[in-house]
C-alpha cells in the first residue's frame, strides 16, 4: 500500500514538474516582453483623432517599455484595412490597433465580415472620449441647429453631410440626429476626417459631425460655425456650444470613443503586460493635459472591462442603425 502511495506521489510530482517546465517559457516570455519595437496601427489618415491619440499613447508606452512604439497609418474601408493588417500579423502582442467607435458600428452596416470585432480582437484599454461637433460653413448663413434643421425640412434629401466613411462614428452621429428629428439628408463619404472637413468649408457638403480636434481651430478662426456637440454634456474646450439635445433634438446623445486593441490570441500574460502599461501611460498627467487641449477626455477601461463595453456598443449601434434606417451591405 505504501509502495502504491509512493508511486502516486511520484507521478504527481512528475506532472507538477512537467507543468512548471511547460509554463516556464511562456512566463519568461511575458517577463521579458517586449524585447523589440512595438507597432500601433491606425485605421484612419494622419491628422485624425485616432492618429493623434495613438501617437500620444505610443510615446508613453515607449518610455515605459524602453522600446520604440511605431505608429503606422493604414486607412481604408472605415478602419477594416487596419483590422485585417492586425489579424495577419503574429499574435505575439507586438502589434496593436487604435480603433474608434466605428469598430462597434461595423457589424451594424456590414452583413458579411471575415472577422469578428468582438471575438478576434481583445481590449487593451479604452483611451478617451472625443466629442463630435456639428459644423457648417459660415457662407451657408446658418448660426443655430434649429436653422439647419429647418433648412433640411424645407428641402428633404437635397442637403448633404460629409463623413470619413460609411459606418464611421461621424456617419452614425448625423444619421441618428436626422432620424430623431424625422429628417432626410444625403451622406457623402470621404477618405478621412480632414477631407470631410474640407468638403464643408468648400461648400461641397452643407454640414458634418467632426471630432473636436479636427475643427476647434477652424471654429475659433471663424472658418466653420459650431452648431452643437454630439455628446450628453458640452465639450470642455467649447463650453459655449450647446449639445444637440439642448439645441432642439430631445433625447439625443452620441459619445464617440477611441481604444486600443490587440489580437485575442495573444498570450494572457503578455496581454496583461499591455493592459497594465496602458493604464500607467494614461495616468501620466502631461498626457491628460495634452489630450484635453484637443478636446479628448481620457477615460480608460482596461482589458476585459473594455471587451464587455465593446459588446454593449455593438448592440447599441445595431439598434441605432435600425432606427435610423442605415442599411447594411
Protein backbone atom coordinates (compact mmCIF):
# COMPACT_ATOMS: atom_id res chain seq x y z
CA UNK A 1 0.00 0.00 0.00
CA UNK A 2 2.82 2.36 0.90
CA UNK A 3 4.54 1.50 -2.40
CA UNK A 4 1.38 2.47 -4.30
CA UNK A 5 1.19 5.81 -2.43
CA UNK A 6 4.84 6.37 -3.23
CA UNK A 7 4.25 5.70 -6.95
CA UNK A 8 1.22 8.03 -7.00
CA UNK A 9 3.19 10.77 -5.26
CA UNK A 10 5.99 10.39 -7.76
CA UNK A 11 3.53 10.66 -10.62
CA UNK A 12 2.02 13.82 -9.11
CA UNK A 13 5.48 15.33 -8.69
CA UNK A 14 6.34 14.50 -12.30
CA UNK A 15 3.12 16.10 -13.51
CA UNK A 16 3.76 19.23 -11.48
CA UNK A 17 7.31 19.38 -12.73
CA UNK A 18 6.08 18.96 -16.29
CA UNK A 19 3.59 21.76 -15.86
CA UNK A 20 6.26 24.00 -14.40
CA UNK A 21 8.61 23.30 -17.31
CA UNK A 22 5.83 23.80 -19.88
CA UNK A 23 4.79 27.06 -18.27
CA UNK A 24 8.29 28.42 -17.76
CA UNK A 25 8.97 29.63 -21.32
CA UNK A 26 5.63 31.42 -21.52
CA UNK A 27 6.15 33.06 -18.13
CA UNK A 28 9.70 34.06 -19.06
CA UNK A 29 8.43 35.44 -22.36
CA UNK A 30 5.89 37.61 -20.55
CA UNK A 31 8.51 38.78 -18.06
CA UNK A 32 10.92 39.72 -20.85
CA UNK A 33 8.28 41.31 -23.10
CA UNK A 34 8.93 43.45 -25.06
CA UNK A 35 12.41 42.80 -26.41
CA UNK A 36 11.99 44.69 -29.69
CA UNK A 37 9.96 47.60 -31.16
CA UNK A 38 6.16 47.51 -31.00
CA UNK A 39 3.68 48.83 -33.51
CA UNK A 40 0.31 50.60 -33.24
CA UNK A 41 -1.83 50.54 -36.37
CA UNK A 42 -4.31 53.34 -37.10
CA UNK A 43 -7.20 52.75 -39.48
CA UNK A 44 -7.51 56.39 -40.47
CA UNK A 45 -5.30 59.04 -42.05
CA UNK A 46 -2.68 61.17 -40.36
CA UNK A 47 -4.31 64.12 -38.62
CA UNK A 48 -7.35 62.13 -37.49
CA UNK A 49 -8.20 61.84 -33.78
CA UNK A 50 -7.22 58.15 -33.93
CA UNK A 51 -3.79 59.17 -35.16
CA UNK A 52 -3.31 61.90 -32.52
CA UNK A 53 -4.35 59.59 -29.67
CA UNK A 54 -2.22 56.72 -30.98
CA UNK A 55 0.89 58.92 -31.09
CA UNK A 56 0.33 60.20 -27.57
CA UNK A 57 -0.11 56.69 -26.16
CA UNK A 58 2.81 55.35 -28.22
CA UNK A 59 5.13 57.96 -26.73
CA UNK A 60 4.26 56.96 -23.16
CA UNK A 61 4.38 53.21 -23.83
CA UNK A 62 7.78 53.61 -25.44
CA UNK A 63 9.08 55.30 -22.29
CA UNK A 64 7.58 52.59 -20.07
CA UNK A 65 8.81 49.64 -22.14
CA UNK A 66 12.17 51.05 -23.14
CA UNK A 67 11.40 50.12 -26.75
CA UNK A 68 10.24 52.20 -29.75
CA UNK A 69 6.49 52.12 -30.36
CA UNK A 70 5.87 52.93 -34.01
CA UNK A 71 2.55 54.31 -35.31
CA UNK A 72 1.53 53.17 -38.80
CA UNK A 73 -1.47 54.59 -40.67
CA UNK A 74 -3.44 52.00 -42.63
CA UNK A 75 -6.54 53.94 -43.79
CA UNK A 76 -9.32 52.40 -45.80
CA UNK A 77 -12.80 50.85 -45.60
CA UNK A 78 -13.70 52.59 -42.36
CA UNK A 79 -10.81 51.02 -40.45
CA UNK A 80 -11.19 47.50 -41.85
CA UNK A 81 -7.89 47.64 -43.75
CA UNK A 82 -6.04 48.17 -40.47
CA UNK A 83 -8.03 45.43 -38.71
CA UNK A 84 -7.11 42.89 -41.39
CA UNK A 85 -3.50 44.00 -41.19
CA UNK A 86 -3.54 43.36 -37.45
CA UNK A 87 -5.08 39.91 -37.83
CA UNK A 88 -2.46 38.92 -40.41
CA UNK A 89 0.43 39.61 -38.04
CA UNK A 90 1.77 37.10 -35.49
CA UNK A 91 -0.33 37.07 -32.29
CA UNK A 92 2.66 37.96 -30.13
CA UNK A 93 1.49 41.28 -28.65
CA UNK A 94 3.92 43.37 -30.66
CA UNK A 95 1.18 44.80 -32.91
CA UNK A 96 -1.79 46.73 -31.57
CA UNK A 97 -4.56 48.78 -33.16
CA UNK A 98 -6.29 52.03 -32.26
CA UNK A 99 -9.99 51.95 -33.13
CA UNK A 100 -12.83 54.42 -32.88
CA UNK A 101 -16.47 53.77 -32.04
CA UNK A 102 -16.79 52.82 -35.72
CA UNK A 103 -15.28 49.46 -34.72
CA UNK A 104 -18.50 48.65 -32.87
CA UNK A 105 -20.61 50.09 -35.69
CA UNK A 106 -19.12 47.80 -38.34
CA UNK A 107 -21.35 44.78 -37.59
CA UNK A 108 -24.40 47.05 -37.91
CA UNK A 109 -23.62 48.06 -41.50
CA UNK A 110 -21.83 45.02 -42.91
CA UNK A 111 -23.61 41.69 -43.09
CA UNK A 112 -20.55 39.77 -44.27
CA UNK A 113 -17.33 40.20 -42.34
CA UNK A 114 -14.42 37.78 -42.45
CA UNK A 115 -13.58 38.65 -38.86
CA UNK A 116 -15.46 39.05 -35.58
CA UNK A 117 -14.93 42.51 -34.00
CA UNK A 118 -15.59 41.08 -30.54
CA UNK A 119 -14.06 37.59 -30.70
CA UNK A 120 -10.96 38.09 -32.86
CA UNK A 121 -9.66 41.15 -31.02
CA UNK A 122 -9.11 41.81 -27.34
CA UNK A 123 -9.25 45.08 -25.47
CA UNK A 124 -6.09 46.64 -24.12
CA UNK A 125 -7.83 49.82 -22.99
CA UNK A 126 -10.37 52.41 -23.91
CA UNK A 127 -8.31 55.58 -24.34
CA UNK A 128 -10.63 58.56 -24.45
CA UNK A 129 -13.99 60.03 -25.36
CA UNK A 130 -13.85 62.75 -28.02
CA UNK A 131 -17.00 64.84 -28.61
CA UNK A 132 -18.04 65.43 -32.20
CA UNK A 133 -19.15 68.92 -33.15
CA UNK A 134 -21.82 69.62 -35.74
CA UNK A 135 -20.34 72.24 -38.06
CA UNK A 136 -21.32 74.14 -41.17
CA UNK A 137 -19.75 76.79 -43.37
CA UNK A 138 -20.35 80.45 -42.43
CA UNK A 139 -21.26 81.00 -46.09
CA UNK A 140 -24.42 78.97 -45.57
CA UNK A 141 -25.79 81.73 -43.33
CA UNK A 142 -26.86 79.31 -40.58
CA UNK A 143 -25.99 80.01 -36.97
CA UNK A 144 -28.08 77.52 -34.95
CA UNK A 145 -29.05 73.87 -35.13
CA UNK A 146 -32.70 74.90 -35.37
CA UNK A 147 -31.96 76.88 -38.53
CA UNK A 148 -30.15 73.93 -40.08
CA UNK A 149 -32.98 71.53 -39.27
CA UNK A 150 -35.50 73.92 -40.80
CA UNK A 151 -33.43 74.19 -43.98
CA UNK A 152 -33.25 70.39 -44.21
CA UNK A 153 -37.00 70.20 -43.59
CA UNK A 154 -37.68 72.58 -46.47
CA UNK A 155 -35.55 70.56 -48.91
CA UNK A 156 -35.80 66.85 -47.98
CA UNK A 157 -32.80 64.88 -49.20
CA UNK A 158 -31.20 67.83 -51.00
CA UNK A 159 -28.69 68.88 -48.34
CA UNK A 160 -25.67 66.68 -47.80
CA UNK A 161 -23.34 65.88 -44.93
CA UNK A 162 -19.76 64.66 -45.18
CA UNK A 163 -18.33 61.68 -43.30
CA UNK A 164 -14.89 60.00 -43.22
CA UNK A 165 -16.53 56.77 -44.41
CA UNK A 166 -19.79 54.86 -44.41
CA UNK A 167 -20.35 53.45 -40.93
CA UNK A 168 -17.97 55.82 -39.21
CA UNK A 169 -18.93 57.31 -35.86
CA UNK A 170 -19.42 60.64 -37.69
CA UNK A 171 -21.87 58.95 -40.05
CA UNK A 172 -23.83 57.42 -37.18
CA UNK A 173 -23.87 60.71 -35.28
CA UNK A 174 -25.51 62.51 -38.22
CA UNK A 175 -27.85 59.70 -39.23
CA UNK A 176 -29.01 59.27 -35.64
CA UNK A 177 -29.75 63.00 -35.31
CA UNK A 178 -31.68 63.07 -38.59
CA UNK A 179 -33.70 60.02 -37.54
CA UNK A 180 -34.54 61.60 -34.18
CA UNK A 181 -35.66 64.77 -35.99
CA UNK A 182 -37.50 62.78 -38.68
CA UNK A 183 -35.50 64.43 -41.48
CA UNK A 184 -33.54 63.32 -44.54
CA UNK A 185 -30.18 64.42 -45.92
CA UNK A 186 -27.60 62.75 -48.15
CA UNK A 187 -24.45 61.12 -46.77
CA UNK A 188 -21.29 61.80 -48.80
CA UNK A 189 -18.36 59.62 -47.63
CA UNK A 190 -14.76 60.82 -47.96
CA UNK A 191 -11.36 59.22 -47.43
CA UNK A 192 -10.83 60.64 -43.95
CA UNK A 193 -11.76 63.27 -41.38
CA UNK A 194 -9.62 66.10 -42.88
CA UNK A 195 -11.22 65.55 -46.29
CA UNK A 196 -14.71 65.57 -44.76
CA UNK A 197 -13.95 68.90 -43.05
CA UNK A 198 -12.63 70.40 -46.30
CA UNK A 199 -15.86 69.38 -48.03
CA UNK A 200 -17.89 71.52 -45.60
CA UNK A 201 -15.56 74.51 -45.81
CA UNK A 202 -15.62 74.40 -49.63
CA UNK A 203 -19.41 74.11 -49.75
CA UNK A 204 -19.42 70.67 -51.37
CA UNK A 205 -21.39 69.47 -48.32
CA UNK A 206 -23.55 71.56 -46.01
CA UNK A 207 -22.73 70.06 -42.60
CA UNK A 208 -20.82 67.37 -40.76
CA UNK A 209 -20.22 65.92 -37.32
CA UNK A 210 -16.46 66.19 -36.74
CA UNK A 211 -14.28 65.32 -33.73
CA UNK A 212 -13.27 68.40 -31.73
CA UNK A 213 -9.52 68.13 -32.50
CA UNK A 214 -10.16 68.49 -36.23
CA UNK A 215 -12.32 71.60 -36.09
CA UNK A 216 -11.53 73.58 -32.96
CA UNK A 217 -9.05 75.91 -34.68
CA UNK A 218 -11.33 76.40 -37.71
CA UNK A 219 -14.18 77.32 -35.35
CA UNK A 220 -12.02 79.80 -33.46
CA UNK A 221 -10.83 81.33 -36.73
CA UNK A 222 -14.41 81.70 -38.00
CA UNK A 223 -13.91 79.34 -40.93
CA UNK A 224 -16.55 76.97 -39.54
CA UNK A 225 -19.67 77.55 -37.44
CA UNK A 226 -20.23 75.22 -34.47
CA UNK A 227 -23.91 74.40 -34.10
CA UNK A 228 -23.97 71.66 -31.45
CA UNK A 229 -21.98 68.97 -29.63
CA UNK A 230 -22.96 65.34 -30.13
CA UNK A 231 -22.37 64.36 -26.52
CA UNK A 232 -24.62 64.31 -23.49
CA UNK A 233 -22.55 67.11 -21.93
CA UNK A 234 -20.91 70.15 -23.52
CA UNK A 235 -17.30 69.97 -24.65
CA UNK A 236 -14.83 71.36 -22.13
CA UNK A 237 -12.94 73.20 -24.85
CA UNK A 238 -16.10 74.63 -26.48
CA UNK A 239 -18.35 75.28 -23.47
CA UNK A 240 -20.50 77.85 -25.29
CA UNK A 241 -21.62 75.31 -27.89
CA UNK A 242 -24.88 73.60 -26.82
CA UNK A 243 -25.46 69.88 -27.08
CA UNK A 244 -27.74 68.58 -29.82
CA UNK A 245 -30.36 67.81 -27.15
CA UNK A 246 -30.11 71.34 -25.74
CA UNK A 247 -30.36 72.80 -29.25
CA UNK A 248 -33.62 71.11 -30.10
CA UNK A 249 -33.38 67.33 -30.69
CA UNK A 250 -34.63 65.92 -27.41
CA UNK A 251 -33.14 62.67 -26.17
CA UNK A 252 -30.15 62.79 -28.50
CA UNK A 253 -26.69 61.87 -27.16
CA UNK A 254 -23.78 60.32 -29.02
CA UNK A 255 -20.42 59.89 -27.26
CA UNK A 256 -17.64 58.77 -29.64
CA UNK A 257 -14.78 56.81 -28.06
CA UNK A 258 -11.35 55.53 -29.04
CA UNK A 259 -9.50 52.49 -27.76
CA UNK A 260 -6.50 50.20 -28.11
CA UNK A 261 -6.84 46.54 -29.12
CA UNK A 262 -4.65 43.55 -29.85
CA UNK A 263 -5.45 40.07 -31.09
CA UNK A 264 -7.45 37.81 -28.78
CA UNK A 265 -4.93 35.02 -29.48
CA UNK A 266 -2.17 36.94 -27.69
CA UNK A 267 -0.97 35.05 -24.61
CA UNK A 268 -2.88 36.23 -21.50
CA UNK A 269 0.32 37.10 -19.63
CA UNK A 270 1.54 39.34 -22.46
CA UNK A 271 -1.85 40.95 -22.85
CA UNK A 272 -1.82 41.64 -19.11
CA UNK A 273 1.50 43.43 -19.56
CA UNK A 274 -0.01 45.60 -22.30
CA UNK A 275 -3.11 46.35 -20.20
CA UNK A 276 -1.06 47.33 -17.16
CA UNK A 277 1.29 49.52 -19.19
CA UNK A 278 -1.60 51.25 -20.95
CA UNK A 279 -3.22 52.17 -17.63
CA UNK A 280 0.08 53.56 -16.41
CA UNK A 281 0.52 55.54 -19.63
CA UNK A 282 -2.96 57.08 -19.44
CA UNK A 283 -2.37 58.11 -15.83
CA UNK A 284 0.54 60.39 -16.79
CA UNK A 285 -0.66 63.93 -16.09
CA UNK A 286 1.01 65.63 -19.05
CA UNK A 287 -0.72 63.20 -21.43
CA UNK A 288 -4.08 64.03 -19.86
CA UNK A 289 -3.36 67.74 -20.29
CA UNK A 290 -2.19 67.21 -23.87
CA UNK A 291 -5.36 65.32 -24.78
CA UNK A 292 -7.64 67.82 -23.05
CA UNK A 293 -6.18 70.63 -25.18
CA UNK A 294 -7.63 68.92 -28.25
CA UNK A 295 -10.95 68.11 -26.59
CA UNK A 296 -10.25 64.46 -25.71
CA UNK A 297 -11.21 63.26 -22.24
CA UNK A 298 -9.11 60.31 -21.06
CA UNK A 299 -11.50 57.55 -19.95
CA UNK A 300 -9.63 54.26 -19.52
CA UNK A 301 -11.40 50.91 -19.40
CA UNK A 302 -8.83 48.12 -19.03
CA UNK A 303 -8.76 44.71 -20.69
CA UNK A 304 -11.85 42.59 -20.20
CA UNK A 305 -13.88 45.57 -18.98
CA UNK A 306 -13.26 47.18 -22.35
CA UNK A 307 -14.24 43.92 -24.10
CA UNK A 308 -17.60 43.99 -22.32
CA UNK A 309 -18.08 47.64 -23.24
CA UNK A 310 -17.40 46.90 -26.92
CA UNK A 311 -20.02 44.13 -26.95
CA UNK A 312 -22.54 46.54 -25.44
CA UNK A 313 -21.61 49.18 -28.04
CA UNK A 314 -22.13 46.69 -30.89
CA UNK A 315 -25.68 46.08 -29.66
CA UNK A 316 -26.27 49.83 -29.34
CA UNK A 317 -25.08 50.57 -32.88
CA UNK A 318 -27.28 47.83 -34.31
CA UNK A 319 -30.27 49.49 -32.62
CA UNK A 320 -29.26 52.94 -33.94
CA UNK A 321 -28.84 51.55 -37.45
CA UNK A 322 -32.30 50.00 -37.31
CA UNK A 323 -33.91 53.20 -36.01
CA UNK A 324 -32.03 55.48 -38.40
CA UNK A 325 -32.56 53.29 -41.46
CA UNK A 326 -28.85 52.78 -42.06
CA UNK A 327 -28.71 49.84 -44.43
CA UNK A 328 -26.15 47.08 -44.16
CA UNK A 329 -24.18 45.90 -47.15
